[in-house]
C-alpha atoms as a PDB file:
ATOM      1  CA  MET A   1       7.508   9.416  15.498  1.00  0.00           C
ATOM      2  CA  ASN A   2       6.109  11.063  18.579  1.00  0.00           C
ATOM      3  CA  SER A   3       5.419  14.556  17.292  1.00  0.00           C
ATOM      4  CA  PRO A   4       3.619  17.484  18.970  1.00  0.00           C
ATOM      5  CA  ARG A   5       1.057  17.298  16.184  1.00  0.00           C
ATOM      6  CA  CYS A   6       0.200  13.695  16.985  1.00  0.00           C
ATOM      7  CA  THR A   7       0.135  14.339  20.706  1.00  0.00           C
ATOM      8  CA  PHE A   8      -2.264  17.246  20.270  1.00  0.00           C
ATOM      9  CA  VAL A   9      -4.593  15.375  17.916  1.00  0.00           C
ATOM     10  CA  GLY A  10      -4.691  12.363  20.221  1.00  0.00           C
ATOM     11  CA  SER A  11      -5.495  14.546  23.225  1.00  0.00           C
ATOM     12  CA  PHE A  12      -8.054  16.582  21.284  1.00  0.00           C
ATOM     13  CA  LEU A  13      -9.944  13.527  20.095  1.00  0.00           C
ATOM     14  CA  VAL A  14      -9.810  11.834  23.474  1.00  0.00           C
ATOM     15  CA  SER A  15     -11.293  14.967  25.038  1.00  0.00           C
ATOM     16  CA  LYS A  16     -14.068  14.977  22.452  1.00  0.00           C
ATOM     17  CA  GLY A  17     -14.690  11.241  22.775  1.00  0.00           C
ATOM     18  CA  LEU A  18     -14.725  10.784  19.025  1.00  0.00           C
ATOM     19  CA  SER A  19     -15.314   7.322  17.624  1.00  0.00           C
ATOM     20  CA  PHE A  20     -15.916   6.254  14.046  1.00  0.00           C
ATOM     21  CA  GLY A  21     -16.865   3.137  12.147  1.00  0.00           C
ATOM     22  CA  LYS A  22     -19.549   0.504  12.244  1.00  0.00           C
ATOM     23  CA  SER A  23     -19.613  -3.243  12.395  1.00  0.00           C
ATOM     24  CA  HIS A  24     -21.538  -5.681  10.231  1.00  0.00           C
ATOM     25  CA  SER A  25     -22.196  -9.293  11.042  1.00  0.00           C
ATOM     26  CA  CYS A  26     -20.782 -11.707   8.471  1.00  0.00           C
ATOM     27  CA  TRP A  27     -20.062 -15.392   8.474  1.00  0.00           C
ATOM     28  CA  LYS A  28     -16.394 -15.801   9.312  1.00  0.00           C
ATOM     29  CA  HIS A  29     -14.121 -17.770   6.997  1.00  0.00           C
ATOM     30  CA  SER A  30     -11.166 -19.138   8.979  1.00  0.00           C
ATOM     31  CA  ASN A  31      -8.675 -17.508   6.617  1.00  0.00           C
ATOM     32  CA  TYR A  32     -10.231 -14.061   6.419  1.00  0.00           C
ATOM     33  CA  SER A  33      -9.457 -10.936   8.402  1.00  0.00           C
ATOM     34  CA  LYS A  34     -12.376 -10.544  10.775  1.00  0.00           C
ATOM     35  CA  TYR A  35     -11.990  -8.923  14.131  1.00  0.00           C
ATOM     36  CA  ASN A  36     -13.571  -6.125  16.086  1.00  0.00           C
ATOM     37  CA  TYR A  37     -11.193  -3.386  14.987  1.00  0.00           C
ATOM     38  CA  PHE A  38     -13.917  -1.147  13.578  1.00  0.00           C
ATOM     39  CA  ARG A  39     -15.528  -0.777  16.996  1.00  0.00           C
ATOM     40  CA  ARG A  40     -12.348   0.488  18.631  1.00  0.00           C
ATOM     41  CA  PRO A  41     -12.404   4.197  19.551  1.00  0.00           C
ATOM     42  CA  LEU A  42     -10.490   6.463  17.219  1.00  0.00           C
ATOM     43  CA  SER A  43      -8.431   7.836  20.078  1.00  0.00           C
ATOM     44  CA  HIS A  44      -7.062   4.348  20.820  1.00  0.00           C
ATOM     45  CA  SER A  45      -5.848   3.962  17.257  1.00  0.00           C
ATOM     46  CA  ILE A  46      -4.172   7.360  17.175  1.00  0.00           C
ATOM     47  CA  LEU A  47      -2.434   6.845  20.497  1.00  0.00           C
ATOM     48  CA  LEU A  48      -1.000   3.605  19.112  1.00  0.00           C
ATOM     49  CA  LYS A  49       0.105   5.108  15.824  1.00  0.00           C
ATOM     50  CA  GLN A  50       1.550   8.332  17.217  1.00  0.00           C
ATOM     51  CA  GLN A  51       4.580   6.360  18.385  1.00  0.00           C
ATOM     52  CA  THR A  52       5.677   5.881  14.790  1.00  0.00           C
ATOM     53  CA  ARG A  53       3.581   7.885  12.326  1.00  0.00           C
ATOM     54  CA  THR A  54       2.889  11.591  11.753  1.00  0.00           C
ATOM     55  CA  ARG A  55      -0.840  12.035  11.221  1.00  0.00           C
ATOM     56  CA  MET A  56      -0.703  15.334   9.324  1.00  0.00           C
ATOM     57  CA  GLY A  57      -3.853  14.633   7.319  1.00  0.00           C
ATOM     58  CA  LEU A  58      -5.942  14.109  10.439  1.00  0.00           C
ATOM     59  CA  PHE A  59      -4.132  17.014  12.128  1.00  0.00           C
ATOM     60  CA  ASP A  60      -5.289  19.321   9.340  1.00  0.00           C
ATOM     61  CA  GLN A  61      -8.854  17.992   9.526  1.00  0.00           C
ATOM     62  CA  VAL A  62      -9.045  18.830  13.222  1.00  0.00           C
ATOM     63  CA  PHE A  63      -7.342  22.217  12.921  1.00  0.00           C
ATOM     64  CA  GLU A  64      -9.505  23.215   9.971  1.00  0.00           C
ATOM     65  CA  LYS A  65     -12.488  23.020  12.308  1.00  0.00           C
ATOM     66  CA  ILE A  66     -10.844  25.222  14.935  1.00  0.00           C
ATOM     67  CA  GLY A  67      -9.337  27.727  12.499  1.00  0.00           C
ATOM     68  CA  LYS A  68      -5.636  26.725  12.625  1.00  0.00           C
ATOM     69  CA  ARG A  69      -4.973  24.780   9.446  1.00  0.00           C
ATOM     70  CA  GLY A  70      -1.313  23.898   8.807  1.00  0.00           C
ATOM     71  CA  GLY A  71       0.545  25.568   5.933  1.00  0.00           C
ATOM     72  CA  TYR A  72       2.799  22.731   4.739  1.00  0.00           C
ATOM     73  CA  GLU A  73       2.667  22.288   0.954  1.00  0.00           C
ATOM     74  CA  PRO A  74       4.116  19.213  -0.803  1.00  0.00           C
ATOM     75  CA  ARG A  75       6.543  19.835  -3.659  1.00  0.00           C
ATOM     76  CA  ASP A  76       8.074  17.816  -6.471  1.00  0.00           C
ATOM     77  CA  ARG A  77      11.491  16.318  -5.807  1.00  0.00           C
ATOM     78  CA  GLU A  78      14.118  15.272  -8.316  1.00  0.00           C
ATOM     79  CA  GLU A  79      15.620  12.554  -6.136  1.00  0.00           C
ATOM     80  CA  ALA A  80      13.617   9.383  -5.635  1.00  0.00           C
ATOM     81  CA  ILE A  81      13.524   7.426  -2.402  1.00  0.00           C
ATOM     82  CA  ILE A  82      15.762   4.369  -2.667  1.00  0.00           C
ATOM     83  CA  PRO A  83      14.957   1.516  -0.236  1.00  0.00           C
ATOM     84  CA  SER A  84      17.117  -1.434   0.780  1.00  0.00           C
ATOM     85  CA  GLU A  85      18.198  -3.800  -1.969  1.00  0.00           C
ATOM     86  CA  LYS A  86      16.581  -6.920  -0.499  1.00  0.00           C
ATOM     87  CA  HIS A  87      13.226  -7.821   0.983  1.00  0.00           C
ATOM     88  CA  TYR A  88      13.539  -8.126   4.755  1.00  0.00           C
ATOM     89  CA  VAL A  89      11.436 -11.317   4.854  1.00  0.00           C
ATOM     90  CA  LEU A  90      11.761 -12.979   1.456  1.00  0.00           C
ATOM     91  CA  GLY A  91      15.361 -12.037   0.707  1.00  0.00           C
ATOM     92  CA  THR A  92      14.435 -11.135  -2.869  1.00  0.00           C
ATOM     93  CA  PRO A  93      15.186  -7.822  -4.637  1.00  0.00           C
ATOM     94  CA  LEU A  94      12.889  -4.866  -4.020  1.00  0.00           C
ATOM     95  CA  SER A  95      13.832  -3.344  -7.358  1.00  0.00           C
ATOM     96  CA  ALA A  96      14.777  -5.199 -10.543  1.00  0.00           C
ATOM     97  CA  ASN A  97      13.595  -5.803 -14.088  1.00  0.00           C
ATOM     98  CA  PHE A  98      11.100  -8.342 -12.837  1.00  0.00           C
ATOM     99  CA  GLU A  99       9.261  -8.779 -16.133  1.00  0.00           C
ATOM    100  CA  GLU A 100      12.437  -9.949 -17.844  1.00  0.00           C
ATOM    101  CA  MET A 101      12.759 -12.494 -15.036  1.00  0.00           C
ATOM    102  CA  GLY A 102       9.301 -13.884 -15.854  1.00  0.00           C
ATOM    103  CA  TYR A 103       7.351 -12.189 -13.056  1.00  0.00           C
ATOM    104  CA  GLN A 104       4.329  -9.881 -13.228  1.00  0.00           C
ATOM    105  CA  TYR A 105       3.170  -6.821 -11.280  1.00  0.00           C
ATOM    106  CA  ALA A 106       0.058  -6.041  -9.264  1.00  0.00           C
ATOM    107  CA  LEU A 107      -0.597  -2.752  -7.464  1.00  0.00           C
ATOM    108  CA  PHE A 108      -3.162  -2.318  -4.693  1.00  0.00           C
ATOM    109  CA  GLY A 109      -4.257   0.286  -2.163  1.00  0.00           C
ATOM    110  CA  LEU A 110      -6.310  -1.014   0.763  1.00  0.00           C
ATOM    111  CA  GLY A 111      -5.619   1.246   3.696  1.00  0.00           C
ATOM    112  CA  CYS A 112      -2.465   1.335   5.799  1.00  0.00           C
ATOM    113  CA  PHE A 113       0.266  -0.270   3.716  1.00  0.00           C
ATOM    114  CA  TRP A 114       2.032  -1.884   6.671  1.00  0.00           C
ATOM    115  CA  GLY A 115      -0.587  -4.578   7.212  1.00  0.00           C
ATOM    116  CA  ALA A 116      -1.472  -4.793   3.536  1.00  0.00           C
ATOM    117  CA  GLU A 117       2.090  -5.654   2.552  1.00  0.00           C
ATOM    118  CA  ARG A 118       2.275  -8.456   5.105  1.00  0.00           C
ATOM    119  CA  LYS A 119      -0.845 -10.086   3.658  1.00  0.00           C
ATOM    120  CA  PHE A 120       0.753 -10.239   0.232  1.00  0.00           C
ATOM    121  CA  TRP A 121       4.230 -11.409   1.211  1.00  0.00           C
ATOM    122  CA  GLN A 122       2.498 -14.284   3.052  1.00  0.00           C
ATOM    123  CA  THR A 123       0.709 -15.285  -0.156  1.00  0.00           C
ATOM    124  CA  LYS A 124       1.917 -18.292  -2.125  1.00  0.00           C
ATOM    125  CA  GLY A 125       3.492 -17.394  -5.458  1.00  0.00           C
ATOM    126  CA  VAL A 126       4.512 -13.870  -4.449  1.00  0.00           C
ATOM    127  CA  TYR A 127       8.182 -13.219  -5.208  1.00  0.00           C
ATOM    128  CA  SER A 128       8.578  -9.740  -3.717  1.00  0.00           C
ATOM    129  CA  THR A 129       6.577  -6.871  -2.249  1.00  0.00           C
ATOM    130  CA  ALA A 130       7.240  -3.202  -1.595  1.00  0.00           C
ATOM    131  CA  VAL A 131       5.200  -0.329  -0.203  1.00  0.00           C
ATOM    132  CA  GLY A 132       4.958   3.098  -1.727  1.00  0.00           C
ATOM    133  CA  TYR A 133       2.763   5.809  -3.160  1.00  0.00           C
ATOM    134  CA  ALA A 134       0.763   5.992  -6.400  1.00  0.00           C
ATOM    135  CA  GLY A 135      -2.115   7.801  -8.046  1.00  0.00           C
ATOM    136  CA  GLY A 136      -1.190  11.367  -7.166  1.00  0.00           C
ATOM    137  CA  LYS A 137       0.330  14.472  -8.710  1.00  0.00           C
ATOM    138  CA  THR A 138       3.464  15.023  -6.620  1.00  0.00           C
ATOM    139  CA  LYS A 139       6.731  13.653  -8.016  1.00  0.00           C
ATOM    140  CA  ASN A 140       8.856  11.564  -5.635  1.00  0.00           C
ATOM    141  CA  PRO A 141       6.681  12.288  -2.584  1.00  0.00           C
ATOM    142  CA  THR A 142       7.716  11.628   0.994  1.00  0.00           C
ATOM    143  CA  TYR A 143       5.507  10.120   3.654  1.00  0.00           C
ATOM    144  CA  GLU A 144       5.122  13.580   5.181  1.00  0.00           C
ATOM    145  CA  ASP A 145       3.889  14.857   1.806  1.00  0.00           C
ATOM    146  CA  VAL A 146       1.319  12.096   1.405  1.00  0.00           C
ATOM    147  CA  CYS A 147       0.008  12.587   4.941  1.00  0.00           C
ATOM    148  CA  THR A 148      -1.020  16.157   4.113  1.00  0.00           C
ATOM    149  CA  ASP A 149      -3.832  14.712   1.957  1.00  0.00           C
ATOM    150  CA  ARG A 150      -2.756  17.163  -0.769  1.00  0.00           C
ATOM    151  CA  THR A 151      -0.646  14.998  -3.096  1.00  0.00           C
ATOM    152  CA  GLY A 152      -3.456  12.742  -4.301  1.00  0.00           C
ATOM    153  CA  HIS A 153      -1.338   9.661  -3.659  1.00  0.00           C
ATOM    154  CA  ALA A 154      -2.594   6.477  -2.028  1.00  0.00           C
ATOM    155  CA  GLU A 155      -0.576   4.164   0.179  1.00  0.00           C
ATOM    156  CA  VAL A 156      -0.043   1.099  -2.006  1.00  0.00           C
ATOM    157  CA  VAL A 157       1.613  -2.300  -2.129  1.00  0.00           C
ATOM    158  CA  ARG A 158       3.426  -3.340  -5.283  1.00  0.00           C
ATOM    159  CA  VAL A 159       3.283  -7.109  -5.607  1.00  0.00           C
ATOM    160  CA  VAL A 160       5.696  -9.036  -7.816  1.00  0.00           C
ATOM    161  CA  TYR A 161       4.304 -12.510  -8.428  1.00  0.00           C
ATOM    162  CA  ASP A 162       5.089 -15.676 -10.337  1.00  0.00           C
ATOM    163  CA  PRO A 163       2.201 -16.415 -12.739  1.00  0.00           C
ATOM    164  CA  LYS A 164       3.221 -20.088 -12.695  1.00  0.00           C
ATOM    165  CA  ASN A 165       2.494 -20.354  -8.976  1.00  0.00           C
ATOM    166  CA  THR A 166      -0.397 -17.954  -8.451  1.00  0.00           C
ATOM    167  CA  SER A 167      -2.813 -15.875 -10.489  1.00  0.00           C
ATOM    168  CA  TYR A 168      -3.882 -12.256 -10.542  1.00  0.00           C
ATOM    169  CA  GLU A 169      -7.365 -13.285  -9.450  1.00  0.00           C
ATOM    170  CA  GLN A 170      -5.932 -14.988  -6.380  1.00  0.00           C
ATOM    171  CA  LEU A 171      -4.194 -11.730  -5.486  1.00  0.00           C
ATOM    172  CA  LEU A 172      -7.512  -9.939  -5.967  1.00  0.00           C
ATOM    173  CA  ASP A 173      -9.060 -12.383  -3.508  1.00  0.00           C
ATOM    174  CA  VAL A 174      -6.477 -11.344  -0.914  1.00  0.00           C
ATOM    175  CA  PHE A 175      -7.226  -7.696  -1.705  1.00  0.00           C
ATOM    176  CA  TRP A 176     -10.999  -7.960  -1.339  1.00  0.00           C
ATOM    177  CA  ALA A 177     -10.876 -10.194   1.758  1.00  0.00           C
ATOM    178  CA  ASN A 178      -8.661  -7.937   3.832  1.00  0.00           C
ATOM    179  CA  HIS A 179     -10.330  -4.530   3.865  1.00  0.00           C
ATOM    180  CA  ASP A 180     -13.766  -2.919   3.674  1.00  0.00           C
ATOM    181  CA  PRO A 181     -14.162  -1.570   0.121  1.00  0.00           C
ATOM    182  CA  THR A 182     -17.382   0.261   0.998  1.00  0.00           C
ATOM    183  CA  GLN A 183     -15.520   2.832   3.118  1.00  0.00           C
ATOM    184  CA  LEU A 184     -14.680   5.992   1.178  1.00  0.00           C
ATOM    185  CA  ASN A 185     -11.221   7.501   1.718  1.00  0.00           C
ATOM    186  CA  ARG A 186     -10.622   5.586   4.919  1.00  0.00           C
ATOM    187  CA  GLN A 187     -10.159   2.169   6.453  1.00  0.00           C
ATOM    188  CA  GLY A 188     -11.543   1.997   9.947  1.00  0.00           C
ATOM    189  CA  ASN A 189      -9.825   4.686  11.973  1.00  0.00           C
ATOM    190  CA  ASP A 190      -7.286   5.557   9.261  1.00  0.00           C
ATOM    191  CA  ILE A 191      -8.861   8.557   7.558  1.00  0.00           C
ATOM    192  CA  GLY A 192      -7.804  10.379   4.391  1.00  0.00           C
ATOM    193  CA  THR A 193      -7.491   9.877   0.644  1.00  0.00           C
ATOM    194  CA  GLN A 194      -4.171   8.079   1.135  1.00  0.00           C
ATOM    195  CA  TYR A 195      -6.146   5.180   2.649  1.00  0.00           C
ATOM    196  CA  ARG A 196      -8.601   4.831  -0.221  1.00  0.00           C
ATOM    197  CA  SER A 197      -9.442   1.498  -1.802  1.00  0.00           C
ATOM    198  CA  VAL A 198      -7.918   1.299  -5.276  1.00  0.00           C
ATOM    199  CA  ILE A 199      -6.772  -1.250  -7.838  1.00  0.00           C
ATOM    200  CA  PHE A 200      -4.201  -0.086 -10.378  1.00  0.00           C
ATOM    201  CA  TYR A 201      -4.268  -2.405 -13.393  1.00  0.00           C
ATOM    202  CA  TYR A 202      -1.364  -2.994 -15.785  1.00  0.00           C
ATOM    203  CA  ASN A 203      -3.295  -4.545 -18.680  1.00  0.00           C
ATOM    204  CA  ASP A 204      -6.788  -5.271 -19.963  1.00  0.00           C
ATOM    205  CA  GLN A 205      -6.897  -8.711 -18.371  1.00  0.00           C
ATOM    206  CA  GLN A 206      -6.192  -7.277 -14.928  1.00  0.00           C
ATOM    207  CA  LYS A 207      -8.874  -4.644 -15.485  1.00  0.00           C
ATOM    208  CA  ARG A 208     -11.428  -7.274 -16.500  1.00  0.00           C
ATOM    209  CA  LEU A 209     -10.686  -9.505 -13.507  1.00  0.00           C
ATOM    210  CA  ALA A 210     -10.815  -6.544 -11.121  1.00  0.00           C
ATOM    211  CA  GLU A 211     -14.240  -5.529 -12.417  1.00  0.00           C
ATOM    212  CA  GLU A 212     -15.578  -9.099 -12.383  1.00  0.00           C
ATOM    213  CA  THR A 213     -14.470  -9.779  -8.805  1.00  0.00           C
ATOM    214  CA  LYS A 214     -15.826  -6.392  -7.744  1.00  0.00           C
ATOM    215  CA  ARG A 215     -19.269  -7.317  -9.093  1.00  0.00           C
ATOM    216  CA  HIS A 216     -18.999 -10.715  -7.407  1.00  0.00           C
ATOM    217  CA  PHE A 217     -18.188  -9.155  -4.026  1.00  0.00           C
ATOM    218  CA  GLN A 218     -20.848  -6.457  -4.392  1.00  0.00           C
ATOM    219  CA  GLU A 219     -23.523  -9.133  -4.651  1.00  0.00           C
ATOM    220  CA  ILE A 220     -22.263 -10.743  -1.450  1.00  0.00           C
ATOM    221  CA  LEU A 221     -22.053  -7.445   0.433  1.00  0.00           C
ATOM    222  CA  ALA A 222     -25.545  -6.366  -0.625  1.00  0.00           C
ATOM    223  CA  LYS A 223     -26.987  -9.490   0.980  1.00  0.00           C
ATOM    224  CA  LYS A 224     -25.130  -8.683   4.212  1.00  0.00           C
ATOM    225  CA  GLY A 225     -26.393  -5.113   4.477  1.00  0.00           C
ATOM    226  CA  TYR A 226     -23.315  -3.277   3.234  1.00  0.00           C
ATOM    227  CA  GLY A 227     -23.417  -0.328   0.866  1.00  0.00           C
ATOM    228  CA  LYS A 228     -21.835   0.212  -2.518  1.00  0.00           C
ATOM    229  CA  ILE A 229     -18.201  -0.677  -3.165  1.00  0.00           C
ATOM    230  CA  VAL A 230     -16.217   2.529  -3.725  1.00  0.00           C
ATOM    231  CA  THR A 231     -12.978   0.904  -4.913  1.00  0.00           C
ATOM    232  CA  GLU A 232     -11.355   2.715  -7.826  1.00  0.00           C
ATOM    233  CA  ILE A 233     -10.182   0.567 -10.746  1.00  0.00           C
ATOM    234  CA  ILE A 234      -7.783   2.673 -12.789  1.00  0.00           C
ATOM    235  CA  PRO A 235      -4.684   2.311 -15.002  1.00  0.00           C
ATOM    236  CA  ALA A 236      -1.412   1.850 -13.140  1.00  0.00           C
ATOM    237  CA  SER A 237       0.465   5.083 -12.553  1.00  0.00           C
ATOM    238  CA  VAL A 238       4.038   5.707 -11.461  1.00  0.00           C
ATOM    239  CA  PHE A 239       4.950   3.750  -8.332  1.00  0.00           C
ATOM    240  CA  TYR A 240       7.138   5.657  -5.890  1.00  0.00           C
ATOM    241  CA  PHE A 241       8.921   3.689  -3.170  1.00  0.00           C
ATOM    242  CA  ALA A 242       8.132   4.645   0.411  1.00  0.00           C
ATOM    243  CA  GLU A 243      10.921   5.280   2.882  1.00  0.00           C
ATOM    244  CA  ASP A 244      12.977   2.266   3.906  1.00  0.00           C
ATOM    245  CA  TYR A 245      11.561   2.119   7.431  1.00  0.00           C
ATOM    246  CA  HIS A 246       8.109   1.484   5.945  1.00  0.00           C
ATOM    247  CA  GLN A 247       9.297  -1.520   3.913  1.00  0.00           C
ATOM    248  CA  GLN A 248       8.238  -4.823   5.544  1.00  0.00           C
ATOM    249  CA  TYR A 249       7.460  -2.761   8.629  1.00  0.00           C
ATOM    250  CA  LEU A 250       5.551  -5.420  10.547  1.00  0.00           C
ATOM    251  CA  ALA A 251       8.373  -7.926  10.134  1.00  0.00           C
ATOM    252  CA  LYS A 252      10.850  -5.430  11.555  1.00  0.00           C
ATOM    253  CA  ASN A 253       8.356  -4.362  14.243  1.00  0.00           C
ATOM    254  CA  PRO A 254       6.180  -7.393  15.139  1.00  0.00           C
ATOM    255  CA  ASN A 255       4.198  -5.397  17.689  1.00  0.00           C
ATOM    256  CA  GLY A 256       3.708  -2.460  15.336  1.00  0.00           C
ATOM    257  CA  TYR A 257       0.378  -0.883  14.491  1.00  0.00           C
ATOM    258  CA  CYS A 258      -1.872  -2.706  12.035  1.00  0.00           C
ATOM    259  CA  GLY A 259      -5.385  -1.420  11.496  1.00  0.00           C
ATOM    260  CA  LEU A 260      -6.118  -3.685   8.539  1.00  0.00           C
ATOM    261  CA  GLY A 261      -9.361  -5.598   8.748  1.00  0.00           C
ATOM    262  CA  GLY A 262     -11.782  -7.122   6.275  1.00  0.00           C
ATOM    263  CA  THR A 263     -15.548  -7.451   6.340  1.00  0.00           C
ATOM    264  CA  GLY A 264     -15.394 -11.197   6.931  1.00  0.00           C
ATOM    265  CA  CYS A 265     -17.850 -11.654   4.060  1.00  0.00           C
ATOM    266  CA  TYR A 266     -15.647 -12.318   1.069  1.00  0.00           C
ATOM    267  CA  GLU A 267     -15.935 -15.643  -0.744  1.00  0.00           C
ATOM    268  CA  PRO A 268     -13.542 -16.348  -3.640  1.00  0.00           C
ATOM    269  CA  ARG A 269     -14.923 -17.429  -6.981  1.00  0.00           C
ATOM    270  CA  GLN A 270     -12.261 -20.155  -6.815  1.00  0.00           C
ATOM    271  CA  ASP A 271     -11.419 -22.544  -3.988  1.00  0.00           C
ATOM    272  CA  ILE A 272      -8.137 -21.136  -2.672  1.00  0.00           C
ATOM    273  CA  GLU A 273      -6.480 -20.592   0.692  1.00  0.00           C
ATOM    274  CA  LEU A 274      -5.919 -17.009   1.774  1.00  0.00           C
ATOM    275  CA  PRO A 275      -3.314 -15.800   4.293  1.00  0.00           C
ATOM    276  CA  SER A 276      -4.456 -16.220   7.884  1.00  0.00           C
ATOM    277  CA  ASN A 277      -4.418 -13.562  10.594  1.00  0.00           C
ATOM    278  CA  LYS A 278      -1.566 -15.180  12.488  1.00  0.00           C
ATOM    279  CA  ILE A 279       1.308 -12.904  13.433  1.00  0.00           C
ATOM    280  CA  ALA A 280       4.200 -14.119  11.334  1.00  0.00           C
ATOM    281  CA  SER A 281       7.111 -12.764   9.384  1.00  0.00           C
END
């Protein structure tokens, strides 16, 4: 979506020469997300994303500083967003009684959900994925609502996986390897609470594994000069589907924006293969 708001914010930041983020040096595992994204100027990212996304949260941050904050207020909606019936890549259902079918759920927030979803649908043992919103107060939010930074929701990926072919810890490995969990309410140039790092657990075992792998990764990061992990580990809340055009976005738009990037430091507790950075459906 090329909106006046996005155009203004892009121009404003370019004129100010704003750039955020820092880069750490870590040993690169061939299967991990490690590239120089975090050194790219913020204006470059926004100019890429303005073609498709409304950056209302960032718009409000800029206008708050110059005294022209927007007045849009999210509201509860009775009608939920209903996406397509089938996964664009896997051909499996996006919505079903998966637990009765023998599958289990995982729910993660690790920045922009476009790139995050692709990482999980490329993972062995994953039956289906969907992007949406969770962790906030607004009922049946839209993307526009979430971008205001006032709903409390995070962009998330709901993963439906086969416990016979993969494990929850292996999904956690994908989660930790593909973003920087030391960044608070942002991932690289994507700024706002919707981009926060969060694990929503469905049972005590998931909670335990999330906490154990967090401690494991914190030890690694400390040795590499990173700060404290800020990832939230909280009970799963209601998952609201995002609009259909967000579902499997990078398969439908291979050249679409993806700002997802890991630290390059993560080492699994188990010897497993993680999805590579290759561009694939």
